[in-house]
C-alpha atoms as a PDB file:
ATOM      1  CA  UNK A   1      10.672 -54.497 -48.459  1.00  0.00           C
ATOM      2  CA  UNK A   2      12.222 -57.033 -46.187  1.00  0.00           C
ATOM      3  CA  UNK A   3      10.515 -57.702 -42.933  1.00  0.00           C
ATOM      4  CA  UNK A   4      12.559 -57.898 -39.775  1.00  0.00           C
ATOM      5  CA  UNK A   5      11.699 -61.121 -37.970  1.00  0.00           C
ATOM      6  CA  UNK A   6      10.384 -60.523 -34.487  1.00  0.00           C
ATOM      7  CA  UNK A   7      12.007 -62.435 -31.667  1.00  0.00           C
ATOM      8  CA  UNK A   8       9.424 -64.050 -29.503  1.00  0.00           C
ATOM      9  CA  UNK A   9       9.214 -66.528 -26.734  1.00  0.00           C
ATOM     10  CA  UNK A  10      12.289 -68.329 -25.501  1.00  0.00           C
ATOM     11  CA  UNK A  11      14.822 -66.346 -27.548  1.00  0.00           C
ATOM     12  CA  UNK A  12      13.653 -63.027 -26.118  1.00  0.00           C
ATOM     13  CA  UNK A  13      13.697 -64.485 -22.633  1.00  0.00           C
ATOM     14  CA  UNK A  14      17.300 -65.641 -23.080  1.00  0.00           C
ATOM     15  CA  UNK A  15      18.380 -62.262 -24.418  1.00  0.00           C
ATOM     16  CA  UNK A  16      16.860 -60.445 -21.435  1.00  0.00           C
ATOM     17  CA  UNK A  17      18.391 -62.962 -19.048  1.00  0.00           C
ATOM     18  CA  UNK A  18      21.892 -62.564 -20.517  1.00  0.00           C
ATOM     19  CA  UNK A  19      21.626 -58.780 -20.499  1.00  0.00           C
ATOM     20  CA  UNK A  20      20.432 -58.776 -16.908  1.00  0.00           C
ATOM     21  CA  UNK A  21      23.285 -61.048 -15.830  1.00  0.00           C
ATOM     22  CA  UNK A  22      25.831 -58.899 -17.697  1.00  0.00           C
ATOM     23  CA  UNK A  23      24.467 -55.715 -16.136  1.00  0.00           C
ATOM     24  CA  UNK A  24      24.522 -57.187 -12.635  1.00  0.00           C
ATOM     25  CA  UNK A  25      28.032 -58.591 -13.110  1.00  0.00           C
ATOM     26  CA  UNK A  26      29.295 -55.233 -14.388  1.00  0.00           C
ATOM     27  CA  UNK A  27      27.741 -53.431 -11.432  1.00  0.00           C
ATOM     28  CA  UNK A  28      29.229 -55.846  -8.900  1.00  0.00           C
ATOM     29  CA  UNK A  29      32.676 -55.755 -10.528  1.00  0.00           C
ATOM     30  CA  UNK A  30      32.574 -51.952 -10.512  1.00  0.00           C
ATOM     31  CA  UNK A  31      31.711 -51.995  -6.800  1.00  0.00           C
ATOM     32  CA  UNK A  32      34.594 -54.370  -6.081  1.00  0.00           C
ATOM     33  CA  UNK A  33      37.307 -52.846  -8.254  1.00  0.00           C
ATOM     34  CA  UNK A  34      36.044 -49.413  -9.329  1.00  0.00           C
ATOM     35  CA  UNK A  35      38.336 -46.847 -10.910  1.00  0.00           C
ATOM     36  CA  UNK A  36      41.811 -46.567  -9.411  1.00  0.00           C
ATOM     37  CA  UNK A  37      42.203 -43.433  -7.240  1.00  0.00           C
ATOM     38  CA  UNK A  38      45.706 -42.765  -8.561  1.00  0.00           C
ATOM     39  CA  UNK A  39      44.544 -42.584 -12.173  1.00  0.00           C
ATOM     40  CA  UNK A  40      42.454 -39.665 -13.381  1.00  0.00           C
ATOM     41  CA  UNK A  41      39.327 -40.584 -15.267  1.00  0.00           C
ATOM     42  CA  UNK A  42      39.349 -39.203 -18.838  1.00  0.00           C
ATOM     43  CA  UNK A  43      36.109 -37.291 -18.203  1.00  0.00           C
ATOM     44  CA  UNK A  44      37.736 -35.525 -15.234  1.00  0.00           C
ATOM     45  CA  UNK A  45      40.758 -34.624 -17.353  1.00  0.00           C
ATOM     46  CA  UNK A  46      38.548 -33.224 -20.105  1.00  0.00           C
ATOM     47  CA  UNK A  47      36.610 -31.226 -17.489  1.00  0.00           C
ATOM     48  CA  UNK A  48      39.835 -29.704 -16.147  1.00  0.00           C
ATOM     49  CA  UNK A  49      40.921 -28.910 -19.707  1.00  0.00           C
ATOM     50  CA  UNK A  50      37.597 -27.190 -20.431  1.00  0.00           C
ATOM     51  CA  UNK A  51      37.840 -25.181 -17.214  1.00  0.00           C
ATOM     52  CA  UNK A  52      41.377 -23.997 -17.913  1.00  0.00           C
ATOM     53  CA  UNK A  53      40.565 -23.117 -21.530  1.00  0.00           C
ATOM     54  CA  UNK A  54      37.489 -21.192 -20.466  1.00  0.00           C
ATOM     55  CA  UNK A  55      39.524 -18.982 -18.133  1.00  0.00           C
ATOM     56  CA  UNK A  56      42.018 -18.200 -20.882  1.00  0.00           C
ATOM     57  CA  UNK A  57      39.423 -17.676 -23.584  1.00  0.00           C
ATOM     58  CA  UNK A  58      37.358 -15.305 -21.410  1.00  0.00           C
ATOM     59  CA  UNK A  59      40.440 -13.080 -21.095  1.00  0.00           C
ATOM     60  CA  UNK A  60      40.980 -12.990 -24.868  1.00  0.00           C
ATOM     61  CA  UNK A  61      37.450 -12.551 -26.255  1.00  0.00           C
ATOM     62  CA  UNK A  62      35.270  -9.507 -25.505  1.00  0.00           C
ATOM     63  CA  UNK A  63      32.486  -9.811 -22.960  1.00  0.00           C
ATOM     64  CA  UNK A  64      29.757  -9.289 -25.538  1.00  0.00           C
ATOM     65  CA  UNK A  65      27.242 -11.814 -26.801  1.00  0.00           C
ATOM     66  CA  UNK A  66      29.162 -12.299 -30.056  1.00  0.00           C
ATOM     67  CA  UNK A  67      32.480 -12.481 -28.197  1.00  0.00           C
ATOM     68  CA  UNK A  68      31.209 -15.182 -25.866  1.00  0.00           C
ATOM     69  CA  UNK A  69      29.715 -17.094 -28.785  1.00  0.00           C
ATOM     70  CA  UNK A  70      33.000 -16.934 -30.701  1.00  0.00           C
ATOM     71  CA  UNK A  71      34.959 -17.931 -27.598  1.00  0.00           C
ATOM     72  CA  UNK A  72      32.640 -20.866 -26.979  1.00  0.00           C
ATOM     73  CA  UNK A  73      33.022 -21.996 -30.564  1.00  0.00           C
ATOM     74  CA  UNK A  74      36.819 -21.795 -30.336  1.00  0.00           C
ATOM     75  CA  UNK A  75      36.768 -23.742 -27.082  1.00  0.00           C
ATOM     76  CA  UNK A  76      34.539 -26.497 -28.476  1.00  0.00           C
ATOM     77  CA  UNK A  77      36.756 -26.880 -31.538  1.00  0.00           C
ATOM     78  CA  UNK A  78      39.962 -26.951 -29.462  1.00  0.00           C
ATOM     79  CA  UNK A  79      38.574 -29.492 -26.969  1.00  0.00           C
ATOM     80  CA  UNK A  80      37.313 -31.735 -29.779  1.00  0.00           C
ATOM     81  CA  UNK A  81      40.639 -31.582 -31.627  1.00  0.00           C
ATOM     82  CA  UNK A  82      42.677 -32.267 -28.484  1.00  0.00           C
ATOM     83  CA  UNK A  83      40.476 -35.154 -27.343  1.00  0.00           C
ATOM     84  CA  UNK A  84      40.794 -36.640 -30.822  1.00  0.00           C
ATOM     85  CA  UNK A  85      44.547 -36.157 -31.222  1.00  0.00           C
ATOM     86  CA  UNK A  86      45.737 -37.363 -27.803  1.00  0.00           C
ATOM     87  CA  UNK A  87      44.367 -40.920 -28.193  1.00  0.00           C
ATOM     88  CA  UNK A  88      45.498 -40.948 -31.826  1.00  0.00           C
ATOM     89  CA  UNK A  89      49.069 -40.047 -30.843  1.00  0.00           C
ATOM     90  CA  UNK A  90      49.021 -42.634 -28.049  1.00  0.00           C
ATOM     91  CA  UNK A  91      47.826 -45.284 -30.497  1.00  0.00           C
ATOM     92  CA  UNK A  92      50.495 -44.378 -33.069  1.00  0.00           C
ATOM     93  CA  UNK A  93      53.197 -44.360 -30.365  1.00  0.00           C
ATOM     94  CA  UNK A  94      52.003 -47.747 -29.120  1.00  0.00           C
ATOM     95  CA  UNK A  95      51.971 -49.248 -32.606  1.00  0.00           C
ATOM     96  CA  UNK A  96      55.367 -47.822 -33.588  1.00  0.00           C
ATOM     97  CA  UNK A  97      57.316 -48.567 -30.424  1.00  0.00           C
ATOM     98  CA  UNK A  98      55.589 -51.657 -29.041  1.00  0.00           C
ATOM     99  CA  UNK A  99      54.924 -53.622 -32.244  1.00  0.00           C
ATOM    100  CA  UNK A 100      58.194 -52.851 -34.009  1.00  0.00           C
ATOM    101  CA  UNK A 101      59.535 -55.678 -36.131  1.00  0.00           C
END
């Protein structure tokens, strides 16, 4: 088998230094600029979507253990599909209408 060379000494020091500088710079830039208040964060949007789906799904599925399990499974699948398709559609729209020849 091939052995992975271990980084020692000066190289490791430089790597830690660069990572520390990048982390500090990212933290400071986030404090200065942060997320815009007028723009929802994607995690907040997904949370609102989950909450609204849960209310609807609880009305449809029975209040038994199997009903809640099935409803949870449906909700997970729907949320995953939606959070996959929305960025995909945005990307396709961007490519088609922005980079048209």
